[in-house]
Each structure stands twice: as C-alpha cells, then as structure tokens.
Amino acid sequence: MKNNLRLYLKLGVFLPLMALVLSCSADKNPLLDFSDPFGDSGEENHPVPALKDSQRPILISEQSEGQVVIIDSLSKGILWTWKASEHLSATQAAWFREIDEAKAVYQKQYVLLTASSGGVALIRISDKKIMFYTRDVGSPHSAELLPDGNIVMASSTSSNGLGDALKLYKVDSLKAYVEQEYKRYNHTFAHNVVWDHKKNILWSTDDQYLYTFTYENKDGDLNLIKGATFYPLPDKDPHDMFPVYGKEELYLTTGSKIYIFDIAKEKFTEHPYSKRNIKSISDGPAGFGTLIIEPTTSYWTNRVTNSRGSSAFFKDSYKMYKARWFIDNPFSYPSDHLYRQTK
C-alpha cells in the first residue's frame, strides 16, 4: 500500500511535468509537417475544380512530354499545362525538353521555369503567353526573379564547359526572346537561386559554400556582388534550395541528405526526413504537408509523395523532376508582387 502511494505521488508529479514538456514542444513549429492532406481522397469524391478554385494545387516539372503541369492534389486532376512544342518551333521547343524547375511568381499569375536542355522562360498563366525566353548553352537548373523584373539563372556543370555560372538576363517586355545573358559569374555546380526580399539578397550554393549576393541595377548596368560572408556546406552535391514556408529558413537537398539552414543562427541542421538524392522539397501553410520528389528511375519519378509516403499524384508515363505547392512565396516576393514592365 505504501509502495503504491509512493508510485501515485511520483506519477502525480511526473505526469503534469510531462504534459508541460509536451505542450511546450507543441508550441514550437515542427520542421516538417507530417499532416496528410491527400489521405484517402480520390477522383470519385472530388470533381476537378478550376485552377482558381483548387485548394491545394501542385506545380510539377515533367520531362516525358517537356511540360509544366499544375494538378489538383485532391481530385488528382490536371488544372493547367504548358508545352513548349505548342508555342515554339521544333528547334526552340527542344530547349525545353528536360524541364527541371518551375516556380510560381507574380502572385501565381506567371510561372518561371528552367530546363537542363537549355531553356529558360517566363510564362503567363492566363493565356500561356511566353513573356521571356532564352537558350543557355550550359545547363540551366534554377532561375529567380529580381526586384526590377530581370532574371538570374543558375547554370550547372555542362559537358561543353559553358555552365558552372550564375547568369544575369535583361528582360524586355516588348521582346520575349533574349539571345544571351547580360553578365556571367563563375559559380561551380550552380543548381539553385533564391531571392530573399526582406534582406534584399540572393542566396545560392556552389559546390562548397552557401553564398549571398546583392543585386544592383544602375542606369541599366546589372551587377551581382558576392557577400563577404559565406557558409560551408554540410554535404556534397547541393541541389534543390527553396524557402521553408513561413520561416526565415531554407531547405537544401544534397546527394545524401536534406538540411535546413537557419538564416538567423547561420547554421545547417539535418532534416527529420533526411533521405538521399531528393530532387525537391516543398511545404506550405499548416495542413498542406510536405511534398517530396524522390527519384525512382534515374533522376525522375512518376509519383509525387508527402513525407508520410501518401501519394499526391501519380501518372505512370510521367518523368517528374521537381514539384512545389502552387502557392505564394512570401520569403521571396512581397504581397503586392506584380508583373514588371522592363526594357
């Protein structure tokens, strides 16, 4: 009886203490949203909505047909597609054969995309008009809008030796095709570029470090200026970099793991869902879940999943390279982010 009393007293202290610890832990936003927005939902229960009505659309870079696709994660229906072959000559369409990244920009009214086969383009959603496009003879892997509407692109290592660079492009709203970059900056194994609109800097990795760049446009002369501080990478082969939604943090995937870079702490930490060779990772507001592209064949997959393994979208013939929630990106762009008329 006395032993039981001692046990109850211990539990009486321990359980409230444990509850307090758990409640404090719950107050901290998790690094990964393990919610399952897909669950058992299927086409028969969810009619395909219009793009503007979709609650959880996903933007996919798809290489079997050289296209960008927006799908509805609940109905699994296709909401919007863009194929270069429907808008360009056969020669130019070949530049977009291997689309490897697409970003929603300008309040989701446009898509900025790159293709490792050479293409870079800005597409208007409403009528699929090409607002800007170019061919890079390196290996485009990521692009970003700058505050004035011009574009910076990360060109990765290429067999012809013309990659390994960040390249600045002047965008002319009166002339979509731009023949070549305005300036080139050597940047080995360039795979990513992310604008930070609060700090007014550009983030990008080479093969060893995470760098910041300031951008200036003085009387039409564009420049990227590398910051004095840079951060050693925790791993080899950096690939996808994208903002953690709602935080001052960046996701970074590498050849073997996933990391989160805390900008304030200037520190990389390993992600809870740390798997090798992840091509893209994307999260959103609470309840959206975290989208993962994990290659199943070579460098692509026919399935988008979340971190619990639930399927967001599957099509057997597709070769998907990256997938992101088709939502606003408050880390990179202001809330009044409107198309810029540049020239």
Protein backbone atom coordinates (compact mmCIF):
# COMPACT_ATOMS: atom_id res chain seq x y z
CA MET A 1 0.00 0.00 0.00
CA LYS A 2 2.83 2.40 0.90
CA ASN A 3 4.66 1.46 -2.30
CA ASN A 4 1.52 2.18 -4.34
CA LEU A 5 1.13 5.52 -2.58
CA ARG A 6 4.73 6.43 -3.40
CA LEU A 7 4.10 5.44 -7.05
CA TYR A 8 0.96 7.58 -7.26
CA LEU A 9 2.81 10.53 -5.75
CA LYS A 10 5.62 10.12 -8.22
CA LEU A 11 3.19 9.89 -11.10
CA GLY A 12 1.32 12.88 -9.73
CA VAL A 13 4.46 14.92 -10.16
CA PHE A 14 5.74 13.23 -13.31
CA LEU A 15 2.61 13.30 -15.47
CA PRO A 16 1.89 17.04 -15.14
CA LEU A 17 5.57 17.70 -15.78
CA MET A 18 5.48 15.55 -18.89
CA ALA A 19 2.33 17.31 -20.07
CA LEU A 20 4.09 20.63 -19.62
CA VAL A 21 7.08 19.45 -21.65
CA LEU A 22 4.82 18.19 -24.43
CA SER A 23 2.81 21.38 -24.51
CA CYS A 24 5.99 23.43 -24.75
CA SER A 25 7.21 21.19 -27.55
CA ALA A 26 3.92 21.63 -29.35
CA ASP A 27 4.34 25.38 -29.23
CA LYS A 28 7.37 25.07 -31.48
CA ASN A 29 6.55 24.77 -35.15
CA PRO A 30 7.73 21.38 -36.41
CA LEU A 31 10.46 21.32 -39.02
CA LEU A 32 8.29 19.04 -41.07
CA ASP A 33 4.52 18.99 -41.48
CA PHE A 34 3.54 15.34 -41.05
CA SER A 35 -0.13 16.01 -41.76
CA ASP A 36 -1.64 14.13 -44.66
CA PRO A 37 -3.65 16.37 -46.98
CA PHE A 38 -4.09 13.56 -49.51
CA GLY A 39 -5.29 10.68 -47.35
CA ASP A 40 -7.98 8.54 -48.94
CA SER A 41 -9.27 11.25 -51.25
CA GLY A 42 -9.86 10.11 -54.81
CA GLU A 43 -11.21 11.29 -58.12
CA GLU A 44 -14.64 9.83 -57.47
CA ASN A 45 -15.09 12.00 -54.39
CA HIS A 46 -13.57 15.22 -55.67
CA PRO A 47 -14.52 16.72 -59.04
CA VAL A 48 -11.72 18.57 -60.79
CA PRO A 49 -12.06 22.30 -59.97
CA ALA A 50 -10.92 25.29 -61.99
CA LEU A 51 -7.36 26.35 -61.22
CA LYS A 52 -8.54 29.41 -59.30
CA ASP A 53 -10.74 27.21 -57.08
CA SER A 54 -8.22 24.48 -56.28
CA GLN A 55 -7.35 24.43 -52.59
CA ARG A 56 -4.06 22.57 -52.92
CA PRO A 57 -2.63 22.78 -56.44
CA ILE A 58 0.83 21.38 -57.18
CA LEU A 59 3.26 22.72 -59.80
CA ILE A 60 5.25 19.95 -61.47
CA SER A 61 8.27 19.92 -63.80
CA GLU A 62 7.66 16.97 -66.12
CA GLN A 63 10.13 15.66 -68.67
CA SER A 64 8.42 12.85 -70.59
CA GLU A 65 6.47 15.46 -72.58
CA GLY A 66 8.63 18.53 -71.88
CA GLN A 67 5.92 20.30 -69.93
CA VAL A 68 4.92 22.15 -66.80
CA VAL A 69 1.79 20.77 -65.16
CA ILE A 70 -0.42 22.11 -62.37
CA ILE A 71 -2.53 19.37 -60.77
CA ASP A 72 -5.15 19.35 -58.05
CA SER A 73 -3.91 17.16 -55.19
CA LEU A 74 -7.44 16.25 -54.03
CA SER A 75 -9.06 15.21 -57.31
CA LYS A 76 -5.73 14.31 -58.96
CA GLY A 77 -7.00 16.22 -62.00
CA ILE A 78 -4.85 18.33 -64.30
CA LEU A 79 -5.61 22.04 -63.97
CA TRP A 80 -3.13 23.61 -66.38
CA THR A 81 -0.29 22.59 -68.70
CA TRP A 82 2.31 24.33 -70.80
CA LYS A 83 4.31 22.57 -73.50
CA ALA A 84 6.98 24.37 -75.47
CA SER A 85 6.09 22.29 -78.54
CA GLU A 86 2.71 24.07 -78.71
CA HIS A 87 4.21 27.57 -78.72
CA LEU A 88 7.67 27.42 -80.29
CA SER A 89 9.39 25.99 -83.35
CA ALA A 90 10.69 22.43 -83.14
CA THR A 91 14.24 23.73 -82.71
CA GLN A 92 13.32 26.08 -79.86
CA ALA A 93 10.95 23.59 -78.23
CA ALA A 94 13.90 21.18 -77.90
CA TRP A 95 15.46 23.65 -75.47
CA PHE A 96 12.63 22.80 -73.06
CA ARG A 97 12.74 19.02 -73.45
CA GLU A 98 14.08 18.46 -69.90
CA ILE A 99 12.26 20.97 -67.67
CA ASP A 100 13.87 20.75 -64.25
CA GLU A 101 12.28 23.57 -62.23
CA ALA A 102 9.13 25.70 -62.22
CA LYS A 103 8.27 28.47 -59.73
CA ALA A 104 5.04 30.38 -59.20
CA VAL A 105 5.79 34.11 -59.40
CA TYR A 106 3.92 37.42 -59.61
CA GLN A 107 1.06 36.34 -57.31
CA LYS A 108 0.76 32.99 -59.09
CA GLN A 109 -0.10 34.70 -62.36
CA TYR A 110 3.14 33.54 -64.01
CA VAL A 111 5.50 30.56 -63.96
CA LEU A 112 9.28 30.88 -64.17
CA LEU A 113 10.94 27.72 -65.47
CA THR A 114 14.27 26.23 -66.49
CA ALA A 115 15.27 23.15 -68.45
CA SER A 116 18.64 21.43 -68.30
CA SER A 117 18.34 21.04 -72.10
CA GLY A 118 18.87 24.80 -72.36
CA GLY A 119 15.61 26.67 -71.95
CA VAL A 120 14.67 29.44 -69.52
CA ALA A 121 11.22 31.05 -69.74
CA LEU A 122 8.62 33.19 -68.00
CA ILE A 123 5.07 32.10 -68.89
CA ARG A 124 1.81 33.92 -68.21
CA ILE A 125 -0.75 31.53 -66.75
CA SER A 126 -3.91 33.08 -68.19
CA ASP A 127 -3.10 32.67 -71.89
CA LYS A 128 0.19 30.69 -71.77
CA LYS A 129 2.00 33.57 -73.45
CA ILE A 130 5.79 33.46 -73.31
CA MET A 131 6.88 36.74 -71.74
CA PHE A 132 10.61 35.94 -71.76
CA TYR A 133 12.69 33.07 -73.07
CA THR A 134 16.27 32.26 -73.89
CA ARG A 135 18.60 29.40 -74.56
CA ASP A 136 21.58 28.82 -72.29
CA VAL A 137 24.35 26.69 -73.75
CA GLY A 138 25.25 25.48 -70.26
CA SER A 139 22.80 23.52 -68.09
CA PRO A 140 20.00 25.64 -66.54
CA HIS A 141 18.80 24.27 -63.21
CA SER A 142 17.09 27.18 -61.45
CA ALA A 143 16.03 30.77 -62.08
CA GLU A 144 14.82 33.66 -59.96
CA LEU A 145 13.10 36.98 -60.47
CA LEU A 146 14.98 40.03 -59.28
CA PRO A 147 13.12 43.03 -57.80
CA ASP A 148 13.23 45.00 -61.07
CA GLY A 149 11.85 42.11 -63.13
CA ASN A 150 15.16 40.96 -64.58
CA ILE A 151 16.18 37.32 -64.16
CA VAL A 152 19.14 35.43 -62.73
CA MET A 153 19.73 31.81 -63.67
CA ALA A 154 21.92 29.06 -62.18
CA SER A 155 23.68 27.07 -64.91
CA SER A 156 25.15 23.82 -63.65
CA THR A 157 28.17 21.88 -64.86
CA SER A 158 27.89 21.04 -68.56
CA SER A 159 29.86 18.83 -70.94
CA ASN A 160 30.79 21.83 -73.10
CA GLY A 161 32.29 23.75 -70.18
CA LEU A 162 29.86 26.65 -70.60
CA GLY A 163 27.89 26.04 -67.40
CA ASP A 164 29.15 26.47 -63.82
CA ALA A 165 27.80 30.01 -63.61
CA LEU A 166 25.19 32.45 -62.45
CA LYS A 167 23.88 34.39 -65.44
CA LEU A 168 22.00 37.70 -65.47
CA TYR A 169 19.39 38.40 -68.13
CA LYS A 170 17.83 41.70 -69.07
CA VAL A 171 14.10 41.18 -69.61
CA ASP A 172 12.44 43.26 -72.32
CA SER A 173 8.66 43.15 -72.02
CA LEU A 174 8.40 44.25 -75.67
CA LYS A 175 10.62 41.46 -76.97
CA ALA A 176 10.27 37.99 -75.45
CA TYR A 177 13.35 36.32 -76.90
CA VAL A 178 16.70 37.29 -75.38
CA GLU A 179 19.65 35.90 -77.28
CA GLN A 180 22.19 35.70 -74.46
CA GLU A 181 22.94 36.65 -70.88
CA TYR A 182 23.95 40.18 -69.94
CA LYS A 183 26.62 39.04 -67.49
CA ARG A 184 28.11 35.76 -66.33
CA TYR A 185 29.64 34.94 -62.93
CA ASN A 186 31.66 31.77 -62.39
CA HIS A 187 29.83 29.57 -59.88
CA THR A 188 30.78 25.88 -59.89
CA PHE A 189 27.94 23.31 -59.84
CA ALA A 190 25.29 26.05 -59.74
CA HIS A 191 21.91 24.44 -59.03
CA ASN A 192 19.81 27.00 -57.17
CA VAL A 193 18.95 30.67 -56.73
CA VAL A 194 16.51 32.09 -54.16
CA TRP A 195 15.68 35.77 -53.66
CA ASP A 196 15.20 37.00 -50.07
CA HIS A 197 13.04 40.11 -50.36
CA LYS A 198 13.27 41.08 -46.68
CA LYS A 199 17.06 41.10 -46.69
CA ASN A 200 17.24 42.17 -50.33
CA ILE A 201 19.80 39.50 -51.19
CA LEU A 202 20.14 36.44 -53.39
CA TRP A 203 21.04 33.02 -51.94
CA SER A 204 22.86 30.40 -54.00
CA THR A 205 25.22 27.46 -53.47
CA ASP A 206 28.22 26.39 -55.46
CA ASP A 207 29.88 23.02 -54.84
CA GLN A 208 31.30 24.04 -51.43
CA TYR A 209 29.52 27.05 -49.92
CA LEU A 210 26.22 28.87 -49.50
CA TYR A 211 26.67 32.46 -50.66
CA THR A 212 24.72 35.70 -50.57
CA PHE A 213 24.74 38.25 -53.36
CA THR A 214 23.44 41.78 -53.51
CA TYR A 215 21.94 42.94 -56.78
CA GLU A 216 22.09 46.37 -58.29
CA ASN A 217 20.78 47.97 -61.45
CA LYS A 218 22.46 51.32 -62.01
CA ASP A 219 21.25 53.00 -65.17
CA GLY A 220 20.65 49.63 -66.79
CA ASP A 221 24.00 48.13 -65.77
CA LEU A 222 23.18 44.95 -63.85
CA ASN A 223 25.54 43.51 -61.25
CA LEU A 224 25.67 40.72 -58.68
CA ILE A 225 28.04 41.42 -55.79
CA LYS A 226 29.14 38.47 -53.68
CA GLY A 227 28.80 38.96 -49.92
CA ALA A 228 31.84 38.80 -47.67
CA THR A 229 30.30 36.05 -45.51
CA PHE A 230 29.70 32.56 -46.82
CA TYR A 231 28.78 29.27 -45.18
CA PRO A 232 30.46 25.88 -45.67
CA LEU A 233 28.02 23.28 -46.91
CA PRO A 234 27.37 20.28 -44.65
CA ASP A 235 27.45 17.82 -47.52
CA LYS A 236 28.41 17.27 -51.17
CA ASP A 237 26.33 17.76 -54.31
CA PRO A 238 23.90 20.54 -53.26
CA HIS A 239 20.78 20.50 -55.35
CA ASP A 240 17.35 21.95 -54.57
CA MET A 241 17.12 25.05 -52.38
CA PHE A 242 13.78 26.63 -51.52
CA PRO A 243 12.31 28.64 -48.62
CA VAL A 244 10.71 26.87 -45.66
CA TYR A 245 7.19 28.27 -45.70
CA GLY A 246 6.55 30.99 -43.11
CA LYS A 247 10.09 30.95 -41.70
CA GLU A 248 13.43 32.59 -42.24
CA GLU A 249 14.92 29.26 -43.25
CA LEU A 250 15.95 27.47 -46.42
CA TYR A 251 15.62 23.84 -47.41
CA LEU A 252 18.69 22.35 -49.07
CA THR A 253 18.82 18.87 -50.57
CA THR A 254 22.14 17.18 -51.31
CA GLY A 255 23.32 13.89 -52.72
CA SER A 256 22.75 12.12 -49.42
CA LYS A 257 20.56 14.21 -47.08
CA ILE A 258 18.12 17.10 -46.59
CA TYR A 259 19.11 20.10 -44.48
CA ILE A 260 17.53 23.27 -43.16
CA PHE A 261 19.58 26.44 -43.00
CA ASP A 262 18.52 28.79 -40.20
CA ILE A 263 19.35 32.24 -41.51
CA ALA A 264 19.37 33.97 -38.12
CA LYS A 265 21.55 31.29 -36.50
CA GLU A 266 23.66 30.85 -39.64
CA LYS A 267 23.51 27.11 -39.12
CA PHE A 268 22.61 23.96 -41.05
CA THR A 269 20.69 21.19 -39.29
CA GLU A 270 19.73 17.82 -40.70
CA HIS A 271 16.08 17.50 -41.65
CA PRO A 272 13.96 14.83 -39.88
CA TYR A 273 13.08 13.32 -43.27
CA SER A 274 16.68 13.07 -44.39
CA LYS A 275 16.92 10.87 -47.46
CA ARG A 276 19.44 10.79 -50.28
CA ASN A 277 19.07 12.25 -53.75
CA ILE A 278 15.84 14.19 -53.10
CA LYS A 279 15.22 16.39 -56.14
CA SER A 280 12.81 18.81 -54.47
CA ILE A 281 11.06 19.53 -51.20
CA SER A 282 8.19 21.96 -50.70
CA ASP A 283 5.85 22.78 -47.83
CA GLY A 284 3.06 25.29 -47.23
CA PRO A 285 0.68 26.56 -44.57
CA ALA A 286 -0.45 24.24 -41.76
CA GLY A 287 -2.19 21.17 -43.11
CA PHE A 288 -0.58 21.24 -46.54
CA GLY A 289 2.00 18.57 -45.81
CA THR A 290 5.48 18.43 -47.31
CA LEU A 291 5.90 17.43 -50.96
CA ILE A 292 8.82 15.21 -51.88
CA ILE A 293 10.26 14.23 -55.24
CA GLU A 294 12.34 11.11 -54.71
CA PRO A 295 13.66 9.59 -57.95
CA THR A 296 12.64 6.02 -58.66
CA THR A 297 14.31 5.74 -62.08
CA SER A 298 17.48 7.63 -62.92
CA TYR A 299 16.79 11.23 -61.79
CA TRP A 300 12.99 11.31 -62.06
CA THR A 301 9.83 9.67 -60.70
CA ASN A 302 6.24 9.03 -61.76
CA ARG A 303 4.87 9.83 -58.29
CA VAL A 304 4.75 12.88 -56.03
CA THR A 305 4.50 11.92 -52.35
CA ASN A 306 4.47 13.59 -48.99
CA SER A 307 6.76 12.74 -46.11
CA ARG A 308 4.41 10.01 -44.89
CA GLY A 309 4.50 8.25 -48.22
CA SER A 310 0.98 9.29 -49.21
CA SER A 311 0.60 9.84 -52.93
CA ALA A 312 -0.20 13.37 -54.04
CA PHE A 313 -0.16 12.49 -57.73
CA PHE A 314 0.76 9.53 -59.91
CA LYS A 315 0.98 9.04 -63.64
CA ASP A 316 2.89 6.05 -64.90
CA SER A 317 4.21 7.69 -68.08
CA TYR A 318 5.43 10.86 -66.37
CA LYS A 319 9.04 11.70 -65.56
CA MET A 320 8.71 14.28 -62.78
CA TYR A 321 11.81 16.15 -61.68
CA LYS A 322 10.52 18.72 -59.18
CA ALA A 323 7.20 19.53 -57.53
CA ARG A 324 6.17 22.53 -55.45
CA TRP A 325 2.94 23.73 -53.94
CA PHE A 326 1.43 26.27 -56.31
CA ILE A 327 1.12 28.96 -53.66
CA ASP A 328 2.52 32.42 -52.96
CA ASN A 329 6.11 32.59 -51.78
CA PRO A 330 6.30 35.31 -49.08
CA PHE A 331 10.01 34.69 -48.48
CA SER A 332 10.99 35.76 -51.97
CA TYR A 333 8.30 38.18 -53.07
CA PRO A 334 6.19 40.94 -51.47
CA SER A 335 2.43 40.56 -51.19
CA ASP A 336 1.92 43.14 -53.96
CA HIS A 337 4.25 41.32 -56.33
CA LEU A 338 3.08 42.46 -59.78
CA TYR A 339 4.49 41.86 -63.25
CA ARG A 340 7.20 44.38 -64.01
CA GLN A 341 7.31 46.13 -67.38
CA THR A 342 11.03 46.08 -68.05
CA LYS A 343 13.12 47.08 -71.04
